[in-house]
Amino acid sequence: MRIDDPWYDALASGWGEVDGTGAEAPPVPGPGPGPDLGGTPDDRRSAADIYLEVQRSAAFQEVRGRYRRFVVPAVLAFLAWYLAYVVAATTAPQLMSRPVAGAVNVAMVAGLGQFLTTFVLTWAYTRHARLHRDRAALDLRWDTQELTRGAADR
């Protein structure tokens, strides 16, 4: 099974490698056209202006929107599940002490379910990030580095 990892492409293209002088080598632009952030590396804008422009861009807003559309419901669902566990443990001790199998009761199963939920959410988050946000975020990073390289040289 092959995992398509956009961060591997960044490392393979020389991103973050140090050149012979000890300074960080400039990044190599990624594959394909990135979002149009306007301007060229030769523009006479400050790095702060460039980052604000990127933040206002449609590509950045799309990455942030995808992040929020996953994280907000996931956090709310997990908090509801956790609070239901805590409330049930404090208000319904008869239910929580009901045996399931031998010495294992409902509270133990629900508590282990909390751990399982944490691992499942972590897996789901990393999968969602890899499939829906990493490539776009990496393209933004490449474009931003290209634009700010000219601003840093001044």
N, C-alpha and C. Protein backbone atom coordinates (compact mmCIF):
# COMPACT_ATOMS: atom_id res chain seq x y z
N MET A 1 0.84 -1.17 0.00
CA MET A 1 0.00 0.00 0.00
C MET A 1 0.89 1.24 0.00
N ARG A 2 0.67 2.16 -0.94
CA ARG A 2 1.46 3.37 -1.05
C ARG A 2 0.67 4.54 -0.49
N ILE A 3 1.31 5.33 0.34
CA ILE A 3 0.66 6.52 0.89
C ILE A 3 1.21 7.73 0.16
N ASP A 4 0.34 8.52 -0.43
CA ASP A 4 0.75 9.71 -1.14
C ASP A 4 0.97 10.82 -0.11
N ASP A 5 2.22 11.11 0.17
CA ASP A 5 2.56 12.07 1.21
C ASP A 5 3.19 13.31 0.60
N PRO A 6 2.46 14.45 0.58
CA PRO A 6 3.01 15.65 -0.04
C PRO A 6 4.23 16.19 0.69
N TRP A 7 4.38 15.90 1.97
CA TRP A 7 5.54 16.40 2.70
C TRP A 7 6.81 15.68 2.23
N TYR A 8 6.68 14.46 1.76
CA TYR A 8 7.84 13.77 1.21
C TYR A 8 8.36 14.51 -0.02
N ASP A 9 7.44 14.99 -0.85
CA ASP A 9 7.84 15.74 -2.03
C ASP A 9 8.64 16.97 -1.64
N ALA A 10 8.26 17.62 -0.55
CA ALA A 10 8.97 18.82 -0.11
C ALA A 10 10.40 18.47 0.29
N LEU A 11 10.57 17.40 1.02
CA LEU A 11 11.92 17.01 1.43
C LEU A 11 12.74 16.56 0.23
N ALA A 12 12.12 15.85 -0.68
CA ALA A 12 12.83 15.34 -1.84
C ALA A 12 13.26 16.48 -2.77
N SER A 13 12.56 17.60 -2.73
CA SER A 13 12.89 18.70 -3.63
C SER A 13 13.90 19.66 -3.03
N GLY A 14 14.39 19.38 -1.82
CA GLY A 14 15.42 20.22 -1.24
C GLY A 14 14.90 21.20 -0.21
N TRP A 15 13.66 21.11 0.16
CA TRP A 15 13.07 22.03 1.13
C TRP A 15 13.80 21.93 2.47
N GLY A 16 14.29 23.03 2.98
CA GLY A 16 14.88 23.07 4.29
C GLY A 16 16.29 22.52 4.38
N GLU A 17 16.89 22.16 3.26
CA GLU A 17 18.25 21.63 3.31
C GLU A 17 19.24 22.79 3.40
N VAL A 18 20.36 22.55 4.02
CA VAL A 18 21.38 23.58 4.18
C VAL A 18 22.38 23.45 3.05
N ASP A 19 22.72 24.61 2.43
CA ASP A 19 23.70 24.56 1.34
C ASP A 19 25.12 24.61 1.92
N GLY A 20 26.13 24.68 1.10
CA GLY A 20 27.50 24.62 1.55
C GLY A 20 27.93 25.77 2.45
N THR A 21 27.20 26.91 2.42
CA THR A 21 27.59 28.07 3.23
C THR A 21 27.02 28.02 4.63
N GLY A 22 26.19 27.07 4.93
CA GLY A 22 25.56 26.99 6.24
C GLY A 22 24.21 27.69 6.27
N ALA A 23 23.86 28.39 5.18
CA ALA A 23 22.56 29.06 5.11
C ALA A 23 21.55 28.09 4.52
N GLU A 24 20.32 28.30 4.87
CA GLU A 24 19.28 27.41 4.34
C GLU A 24 19.12 27.66 2.86
N ALA A 25 19.08 26.59 2.09
CA ALA A 25 18.91 26.71 0.64
C ALA A 25 17.49 27.15 0.34
N PRO A 26 17.29 27.95 -0.70
CA PRO A 26 15.94 28.38 -1.03
C PRO A 26 15.10 27.19 -1.47
N PRO A 27 13.81 27.20 -1.15
CA PRO A 27 12.96 26.09 -1.53
C PRO A 27 12.76 26.05 -3.04
N VAL A 28 12.53 24.86 -3.52
CA VAL A 28 12.23 24.66 -4.92
C VAL A 28 10.71 24.60 -5.04
N PRO A 29 10.13 25.39 -5.95
CA PRO A 29 8.67 25.38 -6.06
C PRO A 29 8.14 23.99 -6.31
N GLY A 30 6.96 23.72 -5.79
CA GLY A 30 6.36 22.41 -5.90
C GLY A 30 5.77 22.16 -7.26
N PRO A 31 5.27 20.95 -7.45
CA PRO A 31 4.71 20.59 -8.74
C PRO A 31 3.39 21.29 -8.97
N GLY A 32 3.16 21.65 -10.22
CA GLY A 32 1.88 22.23 -10.59
C GLY A 32 1.75 23.67 -10.17
N PRO A 33 0.77 24.36 -10.77
CA PRO A 33 0.58 25.75 -10.43
C PRO A 33 -0.05 25.90 -9.05
N GLY A 34 0.46 26.81 -8.29
CA GLY A 34 -0.09 27.08 -6.96
C GLY A 34 -1.14 28.15 -7.06
N PRO A 35 -1.68 28.57 -5.93
CA PRO A 35 -2.69 29.61 -5.95
C PRO A 35 -2.07 30.93 -6.38
N ASP A 36 -2.84 31.76 -7.04
CA ASP A 36 -2.33 33.04 -7.50
C ASP A 36 -2.36 34.02 -6.34
N LEU A 37 -1.19 34.30 -5.79
CA LEU A 37 -1.09 35.25 -4.69
C LEU A 37 -0.71 36.62 -5.20
N GLY A 38 -0.51 36.75 -6.48
CA GLY A 38 -0.18 38.04 -7.05
C GLY A 38 1.27 38.38 -6.84
N GLY A 39 1.84 39.06 -7.79
CA GLY A 39 3.19 39.55 -7.62
C GLY A 39 4.24 38.51 -7.96
N THR A 40 5.47 38.94 -7.86
CA THR A 40 6.62 38.09 -8.11
C THR A 40 7.59 38.25 -6.96
N PRO A 41 8.62 37.42 -6.89
CA PRO A 41 9.60 37.57 -5.81
C PRO A 41 10.32 38.91 -5.85
N ASP A 42 10.29 39.60 -7.00
CA ASP A 42 11.00 40.87 -7.12
C ASP A 42 10.19 42.06 -6.60
N ASP A 43 8.94 41.83 -6.22
CA ASP A 43 8.12 42.93 -5.69
C ASP A 43 8.78 43.51 -4.45
N ARG A 44 8.55 44.79 -4.24
CA ARG A 44 9.13 45.48 -3.09
C ARG A 44 8.10 45.59 -1.97
N ARG A 45 7.68 44.43 -1.48
CA ARG A 45 6.74 44.37 -0.37
C ARG A 45 7.45 43.75 0.82
N SER A 46 6.99 44.11 2.01
CA SER A 46 7.57 43.51 3.21
C SER A 46 7.01 42.10 3.40
N ALA A 47 7.71 41.31 4.19
CA ALA A 47 7.24 39.95 4.47
C ALA A 47 5.89 39.99 5.16
N ALA A 48 5.67 40.96 6.03
CA ALA A 48 4.38 41.06 6.73
C ALA A 48 3.25 41.30 5.74
N ASP A 49 3.49 42.17 4.74
CA ASP A 49 2.47 42.42 3.73
C ASP A 49 2.18 41.16 2.92
N ILE A 50 3.23 40.41 2.62
CA ILE A 50 3.06 39.18 1.85
C ILE A 50 2.24 38.17 2.64
N TYR A 51 2.55 38.00 3.94
CA TYR A 51 1.81 37.05 4.75
C TYR A 51 0.35 37.47 4.92
N LEU A 52 0.11 38.76 5.04
CA LEU A 52 -1.28 39.23 5.13
C LEU A 52 -2.02 38.97 3.82
N GLU A 53 -1.34 39.15 2.70
CA GLU A 53 -1.94 38.87 1.40
C GLU A 53 -2.28 37.38 1.28
N VAL A 54 -1.37 36.54 1.72
CA VAL A 54 -1.61 35.09 1.68
C VAL A 54 -2.79 34.74 2.58
N GLN A 55 -2.85 35.34 3.76
CA GLN A 55 -3.93 35.05 4.69
C GLN A 55 -5.28 35.44 4.11
N ARG A 56 -5.31 36.48 3.31
CA ARG A 56 -6.56 36.93 2.70
C ARG A 56 -6.90 36.17 1.41
N SER A 57 -5.98 35.37 0.91
CA SER A 57 -6.20 34.69 -0.37
C SER A 57 -7.27 33.62 -0.24
N ALA A 58 -7.90 33.33 -1.37
CA ALA A 58 -8.95 32.30 -1.40
C ALA A 58 -8.37 30.92 -1.08
N ALA A 59 -7.14 30.67 -1.51
CA ALA A 59 -6.52 29.36 -1.25
C ALA A 59 -6.33 29.14 0.24
N PHE A 60 -5.85 30.16 0.95
CA PHE A 60 -5.66 30.05 2.40
C PHE A 60 -7.00 29.88 3.11
N GLN A 61 -7.99 30.65 2.69
CA GLN A 61 -9.31 30.54 3.31
C GLN A 61 -9.92 29.16 3.09
N GLU A 62 -9.63 28.56 1.95
CA GLU A 62 -10.12 27.20 1.69
C GLU A 62 -9.46 26.19 2.62
N VAL A 63 -8.14 26.32 2.82
CA VAL A 63 -7.43 25.41 3.73
C VAL A 63 -7.99 25.57 5.15
N ARG A 64 -8.16 26.80 5.60
CA ARG A 64 -8.70 27.04 6.94
C ARG A 64 -10.13 26.52 7.05
N GLY A 65 -10.93 26.70 6.01
CA GLY A 65 -12.30 26.21 6.02
C GLY A 65 -12.36 24.69 6.12
N ARG A 66 -11.51 24.01 5.38
CA ARG A 66 -11.46 22.55 5.45
C ARG A 66 -11.06 22.08 6.84
N TYR A 67 -10.10 22.79 7.43
CA TYR A 67 -9.67 22.47 8.80
C TYR A 67 -10.84 22.63 9.77
N ARG A 68 -11.51 23.75 9.70
CA ARG A 68 -12.62 24.00 10.64
C ARG A 68 -13.78 23.04 10.43
N ARG A 69 -14.07 22.72 9.16
CA ARG A 69 -15.20 21.81 8.89
C ARG A 69 -14.96 20.41 9.45
N PHE A 70 -13.70 20.04 9.66
CA PHE A 70 -13.42 18.75 10.29
C PHE A 70 -13.31 18.89 11.81
N VAL A 71 -12.52 19.85 12.26
CA VAL A 71 -12.16 19.93 13.67
C VAL A 71 -13.34 20.31 14.56
N VAL A 72 -14.13 21.28 14.17
CA VAL A 72 -15.22 21.74 15.04
C VAL A 72 -16.22 20.62 15.33
N PRO A 73 -16.75 19.92 14.32
CA PRO A 73 -17.66 18.82 14.65
C PRO A 73 -16.99 17.69 15.44
N ALA A 74 -15.73 17.39 15.11
CA ALA A 74 -15.02 16.31 15.81
C ALA A 74 -14.83 16.65 17.28
N VAL A 75 -14.44 17.88 17.56
CA VAL A 75 -14.24 18.30 18.96
C VAL A 75 -15.58 18.30 19.70
N LEU A 76 -16.62 18.82 19.07
CA LEU A 76 -17.93 18.84 19.73
C LEU A 76 -18.45 17.43 20.00
N ALA A 77 -18.28 16.53 19.05
CA ALA A 77 -18.72 15.15 19.25
C ALA A 77 -17.92 14.48 20.37
N PHE A 78 -16.60 14.69 20.39
CA PHE A 78 -15.80 14.07 21.43
C PHE A 78 -16.14 14.64 22.80
N LEU A 79 -16.31 15.96 22.89
CA LEU A 79 -16.68 16.56 24.18
C LEU A 79 -18.04 16.07 24.66
N ALA A 80 -19.00 15.94 23.74
CA ALA A 80 -20.32 15.42 24.12
C ALA A 80 -20.19 13.99 24.65
N TRP A 81 -19.41 13.17 23.98
CA TRP A 81 -19.19 11.78 24.39
C TRP A 81 -18.51 11.73 25.76
N TYR A 82 -17.50 12.59 25.96
CA TYR A 82 -16.79 12.63 27.24
C TYR A 82 -17.72 13.11 28.36
N LEU A 83 -18.47 14.17 28.11
CA LEU A 83 -19.39 14.68 29.14
C LEU A 83 -20.49 13.67 29.45
N ALA A 84 -20.97 12.96 28.45
CA ALA A 84 -21.97 11.91 28.69
C ALA A 84 -21.40 10.83 29.60
N TYR A 85 -20.14 10.49 29.39
CA TYR A 85 -19.48 9.50 30.24
C TYR A 85 -19.38 10.00 31.68
N VAL A 86 -18.94 11.24 31.85
CA VAL A 86 -18.78 11.81 33.19
C VAL A 86 -20.14 11.95 33.88
N VAL A 87 -21.13 12.44 33.17
CA VAL A 87 -22.46 12.61 33.76
C VAL A 87 -23.05 11.25 34.13
N ALA A 88 -22.91 10.26 33.25
CA ALA A 88 -23.43 8.93 33.56
C ALA A 88 -22.71 8.32 34.76
N ALA A 89 -21.41 8.56 34.86
CA ALA A 89 -20.65 8.01 35.98
C ALA A 89 -21.08 8.62 37.31
N THR A 90 -21.48 9.90 37.28
CA THR A 90 -21.85 10.56 38.54
C THR A 90 -23.33 10.46 38.86
N THR A 91 -24.18 10.39 37.85
CA THR A 91 -25.63 10.40 38.11
C THR A 91 -26.28 9.03 38.00
N ALA A 92 -25.65 8.10 37.34
CA ALA A 92 -26.25 6.78 37.15
C ALA A 92 -25.28 5.68 37.56
N PRO A 93 -24.93 5.60 38.85
CA PRO A 93 -23.97 4.58 39.26
C PRO A 93 -24.49 3.15 39.07
N GLN A 94 -25.82 2.96 39.13
CA GLN A 94 -26.37 1.63 38.92
C GLN A 94 -26.13 1.17 37.48
N LEU A 95 -26.31 2.08 36.53
CA LEU A 95 -26.07 1.74 35.13
C LEU A 95 -24.60 1.45 34.89
N MET A 96 -23.72 2.28 35.43
CA MET A 96 -22.29 2.14 35.18
C MET A 96 -21.70 0.90 35.86
N SER A 97 -22.33 0.45 36.95
CA SER A 97 -21.80 -0.73 37.65
C SER A 97 -22.39 -2.04 37.15
N ARG A 98 -23.27 -1.96 36.17
CA ARG A 98 -23.87 -3.17 35.61
C ARG A 98 -22.81 -4.01 34.91
N PRO A 99 -22.70 -5.30 35.27
CA PRO A 99 -21.67 -6.15 34.67
C PRO A 99 -21.95 -6.41 33.18
N VAL A 100 -20.87 -6.44 32.41
CA VAL A 100 -20.96 -6.75 30.98
C VAL A 100 -20.46 -8.16 30.75
N ALA A 101 -19.26 -8.44 31.28
CA ALA A 101 -18.68 -9.78 31.16
C ALA A 101 -17.75 -9.99 32.34
N GLY A 102 -18.14 -10.84 33.24
CA GLY A 102 -17.33 -11.11 34.42
C GLY A 102 -17.20 -9.87 35.29
N ALA A 103 -15.96 -9.46 35.56
CA ALA A 103 -15.72 -8.28 36.39
C ALA A 103 -15.75 -6.98 35.59
N VAL A 104 -15.91 -7.07 34.30
CA VAL A 104 -15.95 -5.88 33.45
C VAL A 104 -17.36 -5.32 33.46
N ASN A 105 -17.46 -4.02 33.81
CA ASN A 105 -18.77 -3.40 33.86
C ASN A 105 -18.90 -2.32 32.78
N VAL A 106 -20.06 -1.68 32.72
CA VAL A 106 -20.34 -0.67 31.70
C VAL A 106 -19.36 0.49 31.81
N ALA A 107 -19.01 0.92 33.03
CA ALA A 107 -18.07 2.02 33.22
C ALA A 107 -16.71 1.71 32.62
N MET A 108 -16.23 0.47 32.78
CA MET A 108 -14.94 0.09 32.22
C MET A 108 -14.98 0.10 30.70
N VAL A 109 -16.06 -0.42 30.14
CA VAL A 109 -16.19 -0.45 28.68
C VAL A 109 -16.26 0.98 28.14
N ALA A 110 -17.03 1.85 28.80
CA ALA A 110 -17.13 3.24 28.35
C ALA A 110 -15.79 3.96 28.52
N GLY A 111 -15.08 3.70 29.60
CA GLY A 111 -13.76 4.31 29.81
C GLY A 111 -12.77 3.88 28.75
N LEU A 112 -12.77 2.59 28.42
CA LEU A 112 -11.90 2.12 27.33
C LEU A 112 -12.35 2.69 25.99
N GLY A 113 -13.65 2.91 25.86
CA GLY A 113 -14.16 3.56 24.65
C GLY A 113 -13.63 4.97 24.49
N GLN A 114 -13.37 5.65 25.62
CA GLN A 114 -12.77 6.98 25.55
C GLN A 114 -11.39 6.91 24.91
N PHE A 115 -10.59 5.94 25.33
CA PHE A 115 -9.26 5.77 24.74
C PHE A 115 -9.37 5.43 23.25
N LEU A 116 -10.26 4.50 22.94
CA LEU A 116 -10.44 4.11 21.55
C LEU A 116 -10.87 5.30 20.70
N THR A 117 -11.78 6.11 21.23
CA THR A 117 -12.24 7.29 20.50
C THR A 117 -11.09 8.25 20.24
N THR A 118 -10.21 8.42 21.21
CA THR A 118 -9.05 9.30 21.03
C THR A 118 -8.18 8.82 19.88
N PHE A 119 -7.90 7.53 19.83
CA PHE A 119 -7.07 6.98 18.76
C PHE A 119 -7.77 7.08 17.41
N VAL A 120 -9.06 6.82 17.38
CA VAL A 120 -9.81 6.91 16.12
C VAL A 120 -9.84 8.35 15.62
N LEU A 121 -10.06 9.30 16.52
CA LEU A 121 -10.06 10.70 16.12
C LEU A 121 -8.69 11.16 15.63
N THR A 122 -7.64 10.68 16.26
CA THR A 122 -6.29 11.03 15.81
C THR A 122 -6.04 10.49 14.41
N TRP A 123 -6.42 9.25 14.18
CA TRP A 123 -6.28 8.66 12.85
C TRP A 123 -7.11 9.42 11.83
N ALA A 124 -8.36 9.75 12.17
CA ALA A 124 -9.24 10.46 11.24
C ALA A 124 -8.69 11.86 10.93
N TYR A 125 -8.16 12.53 11.93
CA TYR A 125 -7.60 13.87 11.72
C TYR A 125 -6.39 13.81 10.78
N THR A 126 -5.48 12.89 11.03
CA THR A 126 -4.29 12.82 10.17
C THR A 126 -4.66 12.41 8.74
N ARG A 127 -5.62 11.53 8.61
CA ARG A 127 -6.08 11.13 7.27
C ARG A 127 -6.72 12.31 6.55
N HIS A 128 -7.59 13.03 7.26
CA HIS A 128 -8.25 14.19 6.67
C HIS A 128 -7.22 15.24 6.27
N ALA A 129 -6.24 15.49 7.13
CA ALA A 129 -5.21 16.48 6.81
C ALA A 129 -4.42 16.06 5.58
N ARG A 130 -4.04 14.80 5.53
CA ARG A 130 -3.25 14.30 4.41
C ARG A 130 -4.02 14.37 3.10
N LEU A 131 -5.30 14.03 3.13
CA LEU A 131 -6.08 13.96 1.90
C LEU A 131 -6.67 15.30 1.46
N HIS A 132 -6.96 16.19 2.42
CA HIS A 132 -7.73 17.39 2.08
C HIS A 132 -7.01 18.72 2.32
N ARG A 133 -5.90 18.72 3.08
CA ARG A 133 -5.28 20.00 3.39
C ARG A 133 -3.78 20.08 3.13
N ASP A 134 -3.05 19.01 3.27
CA ASP A 134 -1.60 19.08 3.21
C ASP A 134 -1.07 19.60 1.87
N ARG A 135 -1.61 19.12 0.78
CA ARG A 135 -1.11 19.55 -0.53
C ARG A 135 -1.36 21.05 -0.73
N ALA A 136 -2.56 21.50 -0.40
CA ALA A 136 -2.87 22.93 -0.57
C ALA A 136 -2.02 23.79 0.37
N ALA A 137 -1.82 23.34 1.60
CA ALA A 137 -0.99 24.09 2.54
C ALA A 137 0.46 24.12 2.08
N LEU A 138 0.93 23.03 1.53
CA LEU A 138 2.30 22.99 1.03
C LEU A 138 2.47 23.91 -0.17
N ASP A 139 1.48 23.95 -1.05
CA ASP A 139 1.53 24.87 -2.19
C ASP A 139 1.58 26.32 -1.69
N LEU A 140 0.77 26.63 -0.69
CA LEU A 140 0.79 27.98 -0.12
C LEU A 140 2.16 28.29 0.48
N ARG A 141 2.73 27.33 1.16
CA ARG A 141 4.04 27.54 1.78
C ARG A 141 5.10 27.80 0.72
N TRP A 142 5.08 27.01 -0.36
CA TRP A 142 6.06 27.22 -1.43
C TRP A 142 5.91 28.62 -2.02
N ASP A 143 4.67 28.99 -2.33
CA ASP A 143 4.43 30.31 -2.92
C ASP A 143 4.86 31.43 -1.97
N THR A 144 4.55 31.27 -0.69
CA THR A 144 4.91 32.29 0.29
C THR A 144 6.42 32.39 0.42
N GLN A 145 7.11 31.27 0.42
CA GLN A 145 8.57 31.30 0.52
C GLN A 145 9.19 31.98 -0.69
N GLU A 146 8.62 31.73 -1.85
CA GLU A 146 9.13 32.37 -3.06
C GLU A 146 8.93 33.89 -2.98
N LEU A 147 7.79 34.32 -2.49
CA LEU A 147 7.51 35.75 -2.39
C LEU A 147 8.34 36.43 -1.30
N THR A 148 8.50 35.76 -0.17
CA THR A 148 9.23 36.37 0.95
C THR A 148 10.73 36.30 0.77
N ARG A 149 11.21 35.42 -0.07
CA ARG A 149 12.65 35.36 -0.31
C ARG A 149 13.14 36.69 -0.84
N GLY A 150 12.38 37.29 -1.76
CA GLY A 150 12.76 38.60 -2.28
C GLY A 150 12.67 39.68 -1.21
N ALA A 151 11.68 39.57 -0.30
CA ALA A 151 11.54 40.56 0.76
C ALA A 151 12.65 40.41 1.80
N ALA A 152 13.12 39.20 2.04
CA ALA A 152 14.17 38.97 3.04
C ALA A 152 15.53 39.40 2.51
N ASP A 153 15.71 39.44 1.21
CA ASP A 153 16.98 39.83 0.63
C ASP A 153 17.23 41.34 0.74
N ARG A 154 16.19 42.08 1.04
CA ARG A 154 16.36 43.54 1.14
C ARG A 154 16.91 43.96 2.45
